[in-house]
C-alpha atoms as a PDB file:
ATOM      1  CA  MET A   1       5.916  -6.813-148.341  1.00  0.00           C
ATOM      2  CA  THR A   2       2.199  -6.301-148.771  1.00  0.00           C
ATOM      3  CA  ALA A   3       0.625  -2.859-148.560  1.00  0.00           C
ATOM      4  CA  ALA A   4      -1.120  -3.895-145.330  1.00  0.00           C
ATOM      5  CA  GLY A   5       2.206  -4.965-143.802  1.00  0.00           C
ATOM      6  CA  TYR A   6       3.798  -1.660-144.823  1.00  0.00           C
ATOM      7  CA  LYS A   7       0.923   0.286-143.267  1.00  0.00           C
ATOM      8  CA  ALA A   8       1.228  -1.697-140.019  1.00  0.00           C
ATOM      9  CA  LEU A   9       4.935  -0.815-139.767  1.00  0.00           C
ATOM     10  CA  GLU A  10       4.171   2.841-140.505  1.00  0.00           C
ATOM     11  CA  ASP A  11       1.510   2.829-137.779  1.00  0.00           C
ATOM     12  CA  GLU A  12       3.964   1.337-135.290  1.00  0.00           C
ATOM     13  CA  VAL A  13       6.589   3.996-136.090  1.00  0.00           C
ATOM     14  CA  ASN A  14       3.983   6.741-135.632  1.00  0.00           C
ATOM     15  CA  GLN A  15       2.861   5.234-132.308  1.00  0.00           C
ATOM     16  CA  LEU A  16       6.446   5.032-131.061  1.00  0.00           C
ATOM     17  CA  LYS A  17       7.337   8.559-132.173  1.00  0.00           C
ATOM     18  CA  ASN A  18       4.155  10.388-131.236  1.00  0.00           C
ATOM     19  CA  VAL A  19       2.943   8.540-128.143  1.00  0.00           C
ATOM     20  CA  GLU A  20       5.654   6.370-126.619  1.00  0.00           C
ATOM     21  CA  ARG A  21       8.415   8.973-126.862  1.00  0.00           C
ATOM     22  CA  HIS A  22       6.335  11.582-125.048  1.00  0.00           C
ATOM     23  CA  ALA A  23       5.292   9.127-122.365  1.00  0.00           C
ATOM     24  CA  ILE A  24       8.869   8.030-121.712  1.00  0.00           C
ATOM     25  CA  ILE A  25      10.075  11.637-121.450  1.00  0.00           C
ATOM     26  CA  LYS A  26       7.490  12.223-118.715  1.00  0.00           C
ATOM     27  CA  MET A  27       8.557   9.022-116.941  1.00  0.00           C
ATOM     28  CA  ILE A  28      12.221  10.076-116.992  1.00  0.00           C
ATOM     29  CA  ALA A  29      11.396  13.545-115.676  1.00  0.00           C
ATOM     30  CA  GLU A  30       9.286  12.068-112.882  1.00  0.00           C
ATOM     31  CA  ALA A  31      11.994   9.553-111.947  1.00  0.00           C
ATOM     32  CA  ARG A  32      14.623  12.327-111.838  1.00  0.00           C
ATOM     33  CA  GLY A  33      12.471  14.081-109.270  1.00  0.00           C
ATOM     34  CA  HIS A  34      12.903  11.146-106.891  1.00  0.00           C
ATOM     35  CA  GLY A  35      16.504  12.052-106.145  1.00  0.00           C
ATOM     36  CA  ASP A  36      19.787  10.146-106.500  1.00  0.00           C
ATOM     37  CA  LEU A  37      19.914   8.742-110.048  1.00  0.00           C
ATOM     38  CA  SER A  38      22.607   6.163-109.314  1.00  0.00           C
ATOM     39  CA  GLU A  39      20.213   4.044-107.245  1.00  0.00           C
ATOM     40  CA  ASN A  40      16.959   5.047-108.897  1.00  0.00           C
ATOM     41  CA  ALA A  41      15.416   1.920-110.464  1.00  0.00           C
ATOM     42  CA  GLU A  42      12.552   3.851-112.073  1.00  0.00           C
ATOM     43  CA  TYR A  43      15.011   6.150-113.821  1.00  0.00           C
ATOM     44  CA  HIS A  44      17.122   3.265-115.139  1.00  0.00           C
ATOM     45  CA  ALA A  45      14.031   1.356-116.317  1.00  0.00           C
ATOM     46  CA  ALA A  46      12.749   4.453-118.116  1.00  0.00           C
ATOM     47  CA  LYS A  47      16.123   5.029-119.788  1.00  0.00           C
ATOM     48  CA  ASP A  48      16.213   1.367-120.889  1.00  0.00           C
ATOM     49  CA  ARG A  49      12.725   1.743-122.350  1.00  0.00           C
ATOM     50  CA  GLN A  50      13.798   4.936-124.122  1.00  0.00           C
ATOM     51  CA  ALA A  51      16.773   3.131-125.669  1.00  0.00           C
ATOM     52  CA  PHE A  52      14.489   0.296-126.824  1.00  0.00           C
ATOM     53  CA  ILE A  53      12.021   2.742-128.410  1.00  0.00           C
ATOM     54  CA  GLU A  54      14.752   4.665-130.238  1.00  0.00           C
ATOM     55  CA  GLY A  55      16.352   1.446-131.488  1.00  0.00           C
ATOM     56  CA  ARG A  56      13.005   0.121-132.680  1.00  0.00           C
ATOM     57  CA  VAL A  57      12.228   3.386-134.527  1.00  0.00           C
ATOM     58  CA  ILE A  58      15.596   3.283-136.301  1.00  0.00           C
ATOM     59  CA  MET A  59      15.116  -0.366-137.288  1.00  0.00           C
ATOM     60  CA  LEU A  60      11.540   0.132-138.543  1.00  0.00           C
ATOM     61  CA  GLU A  61      12.413   3.272-140.516  1.00  0.00           C
ATOM     62  CA  ASP A  62      15.268   1.370-142.165  1.00  0.00           C
ATOM     63  CA  GLN A  63      12.946  -1.503-143.071  1.00  0.00           C
ATOM     64  CA  LEU A  64      10.323   0.897-144.439  1.00  0.00           C
ATOM     65  CA  GLY A  65      12.966   2.660-146.502  1.00  0.00           C
ATOM     66  CA  ARG A  66      14.107  -0.613-148.075  1.00  0.00           C
ATOM     67  CA  ALA A  67      10.644  -2.179-148.427  1.00  0.00           C
ATOM     68  CA  ASP A  68       9.372  -3.339-151.788  1.00  0.00           C
ATOM     69  CA  VAL A  69       5.585  -3.032-151.527  1.00  0.00           C
ATOM     70  CA  ILE A  70       3.536  -5.354-153.699  1.00  0.00           C
ATOM     71  CA  ASP A  71      -0.156  -4.716-154.315  1.00  0.00           C
ATOM     72  CA  VAL A  72      -1.654  -8.182-153.874  1.00  0.00           C
ATOM     73  CA  SER A  73      -4.945  -7.147-155.475  1.00  0.00           C
ATOM     74  CA  LYS A  74      -3.125  -6.789-158.812  1.00  0.00           C
ATOM     75  CA  LEU A  75      -1.716 -10.327-158.683  1.00  0.00           C
ATOM     76  CA  SER A  76      -3.432 -13.323-160.193  1.00  0.00           C
ATOM     77  CA  GLY A  77      -2.808 -16.847-161.309  1.00  0.00           C
ATOM     78  CA  THR A  78      -3.482 -20.406-160.338  1.00  0.00           C
ATOM     79  CA  THR A  79      -0.187 -21.216-158.629  1.00  0.00           C
ATOM     80  CA  VAL A  80       0.772 -20.318-155.072  1.00  0.00           C
ATOM     81  CA  LYS A  81       3.225 -17.419-154.800  1.00  0.00           C
ATOM     82  CA  PHE A  82       3.822 -14.340-152.664  1.00  0.00           C
ATOM     83  CA  GLY A  83       0.556 -12.653-151.663  1.00  0.00           C
ATOM     84  CA  ALA A  84      -1.661 -15.659-152.380  1.00  0.00           C
ATOM     85  CA  THR A  85      -4.305 -16.681-149.879  1.00  0.00           C
ATOM     86  CA  VAL A  86      -4.351 -20.468-149.764  1.00  0.00           C
ATOM     87  CA  THR A  87      -7.053 -22.675-148.268  1.00  0.00           C
ATOM     88  CA  LEU A  88      -5.777 -26.088-147.208  1.00  0.00           C
ATOM     89  CA  SER A  89      -7.297 -29.269-145.873  1.00  0.00           C
ATOM     90  CA  ASP A  90      -5.270 -31.417-143.476  1.00  0.00           C
ATOM     91  CA  GLU A  91      -5.462 -34.897-144.997  1.00  0.00           C
ATOM     92  CA  ASP A  92      -5.383 -36.581-141.573  1.00  0.00           C
ATOM     93  CA  THR A  93      -7.983 -34.496-139.728  1.00  0.00           C
ATOM     94  CA  ASN A  94      -9.869 -32.813-142.621  1.00  0.00           C
ATOM     95  CA  GLU A  95      -9.374 -29.526-140.742  1.00  0.00           C
ATOM     96  CA  ARG A  96      -9.440 -26.498-143.063  1.00  0.00           C
ATOM     97  CA  ARG A  97      -6.928 -23.693-142.685  1.00  0.00           C
ATOM     98  CA  THR A  98      -6.409 -20.510-144.658  1.00  0.00           C
ATOM     99  CA  TYR A  99      -3.066 -18.721-144.897  1.00  0.00           C
ATOM    100  CA  GLN A 100      -1.769 -15.709-146.783  1.00  0.00           C
ATOM    101  CA  ILE A 101       1.867 -15.806-147.858  1.00  0.00           C
ATOM    102  CA  VAL A 102       3.479 -12.526-146.806  1.00  0.00           C
ATOM    103  CA  GLY A 103       6.883 -10.961-146.143  1.00  0.00           C
ATOM    104  CA  ASP A 104       9.011 -11.908-143.150  1.00  0.00           C
ATOM    105  CA  LEU A 105       8.218  -8.724-141.201  1.00  0.00           C
ATOM    106  CA  GLU A 106       4.461  -9.142-141.396  1.00  0.00           C
ATOM    107  CA  ALA A 107       4.201 -12.871-140.684  1.00  0.00           C
ATOM    108  CA  ASP A 108       1.770 -13.860-137.918  1.00  0.00           C
ATOM    109  CA  ALA A 109       0.814 -17.542-138.101  1.00  0.00           C
ATOM    110  CA  LYS A 110      -1.887 -17.199-135.440  1.00  0.00           C
ATOM    111  CA  ASN A 111      -3.668 -14.746-137.722  1.00  0.00           C
ATOM    112  CA  GLY A 112      -3.145 -16.790-140.878  1.00  0.00           C
ATOM    113  CA  ARG A 113      -0.159 -14.897-142.291  1.00  0.00           C
ATOM    114  CA  ILE A 114       2.919 -17.055-142.974  1.00  0.00           C
ATOM    115  CA  SER A 115       6.338 -15.848-144.055  1.00  0.00           C
ATOM    116  CA  ILE A 116       7.427 -16.487-147.623  1.00  0.00           C
ATOM    117  CA  SER A 117      10.708 -17.843-146.241  1.00  0.00           C
ATOM    118  CA  SER A 118       9.098 -20.339-143.845  1.00  0.00           C
ATOM    119  CA  PRO A 119       9.415 -24.047-144.684  1.00  0.00           C
ATOM    120  CA  PHE A 120       5.611 -24.296-144.829  1.00  0.00           C
ATOM    121  CA  ALA A 121       5.286 -21.496-147.404  1.00  0.00           C
ATOM    122  CA  ARG A 122       8.236 -22.838-149.398  1.00  0.00           C
ATOM    123  CA  ALA A 123       6.453 -26.181-149.676  1.00  0.00           C
ATOM    124  CA  LEU A 124       3.354 -24.395-151.039  1.00  0.00           C
ATOM    125  CA  ILE A 125       5.097 -22.153-153.598  1.00  0.00           C
ATOM    126  CA  GLY A 126       4.429 -23.229-157.176  1.00  0.00           C
ATOM    127  CA  LYS A 127       1.626 -25.657-156.263  1.00  0.00           C
ATOM    128  CA  ARG A 128      -1.962 -25.444-157.577  1.00  0.00           C
ATOM    129  CA  LYS A 129      -5.489 -26.200-156.443  1.00  0.00           C
ATOM    130  CA  GLY A 130      -5.849 -29.966-156.006  1.00  0.00           C
ATOM    131  CA  ASP A 131      -2.143 -30.568-155.318  1.00  0.00           C
ATOM    132  CA  THR A 132      -1.041 -32.372-152.176  1.00  0.00           C
ATOM    133  CA  VAL A 133       1.772 -30.848-150.150  1.00  0.00           C
ATOM    134  CA  GLU A 134       3.813 -32.660-147.522  1.00  0.00           C
ATOM    135  CA  VAL A 135       5.290 -30.453-144.814  1.00  0.00           C
ATOM    136  CA  SER A 136       7.735 -31.409-142.076  1.00  0.00           C
ATOM    137  CA  ALA A 137       6.226 -30.381-138.745  1.00  0.00           C
ATOM    138  CA  PRO A 138       7.522 -30.746-135.177  1.00  0.00           C
ATOM    139  CA  GLY A 139       5.108 -33.663-134.674  1.00  0.00           C
ATOM    140  CA  GLY A 140       6.176 -35.354-137.902  1.00  0.00           C
ATOM    141  CA  PRO A 141       5.286 -34.919-141.566  1.00  0.00           C
ATOM    142  CA  ARG A 142       1.818 -33.551-142.394  1.00  0.00           C
ATOM    143  CA  SER A 143      -0.033 -33.690-145.709  1.00  0.00           C
ATOM    144  CA  TYR A 144      -2.342 -30.958-146.943  1.00  0.00           C
ATOM    145  CA  GLU A 145      -4.518 -30.686-150.026  1.00  0.00           C
ATOM    146  CA  ILE A 146      -4.754 -27.246-151.613  1.00  0.00           C
ATOM    147  CA  LEU A 147      -8.452 -26.414-151.901  1.00  0.00           C
ATOM    148  CA  LYS A 148      -8.252 -22.829-153.109  1.00  0.00           C
ATOM    149  CA  VAL A 149      -5.718 -20.218-154.289  1.00  0.00           C
ATOM    150  CA  GLU A 150      -7.055 -16.661-154.073  1.00  0.00           C
ATOM    151  CA  TRP A 151      -5.767 -13.117-154.506  1.00  0.00           C
ATOM    152  CA  VAL A 152      -7.499 -10.942-151.936  1.00  0.00           C
END
């Protein structure tokens, strides 16, 4: 996992523990004030939300405890590997795209961060600037030329 991905998970845990927990406690107390709990939809929704928050905190803390943080700024090389930022050109449309190869937990394709275990990233691993990569996509195979491999 990258340092930025680790920090994002830490921030989420802090948000859940320090903001969400307090808000849900208030919601439960307010719902209890409405009377009979057996038919109180607000109470049951708040308890469900509380269970989700606690489960999410446990899961994130476990992932943080097992995380292996890699400082991407200390990596270098000419081949694509974990942490690399890769600029590609679609050979059919000449559209340029830039992706960073990150850990599974921090992947967000819309923001240019693809998981190391995704088929797209696996096709890029080990390639260099100038190489052509063919990737199976839902619409059929796509070819990309690697324009740049950076370590940001």
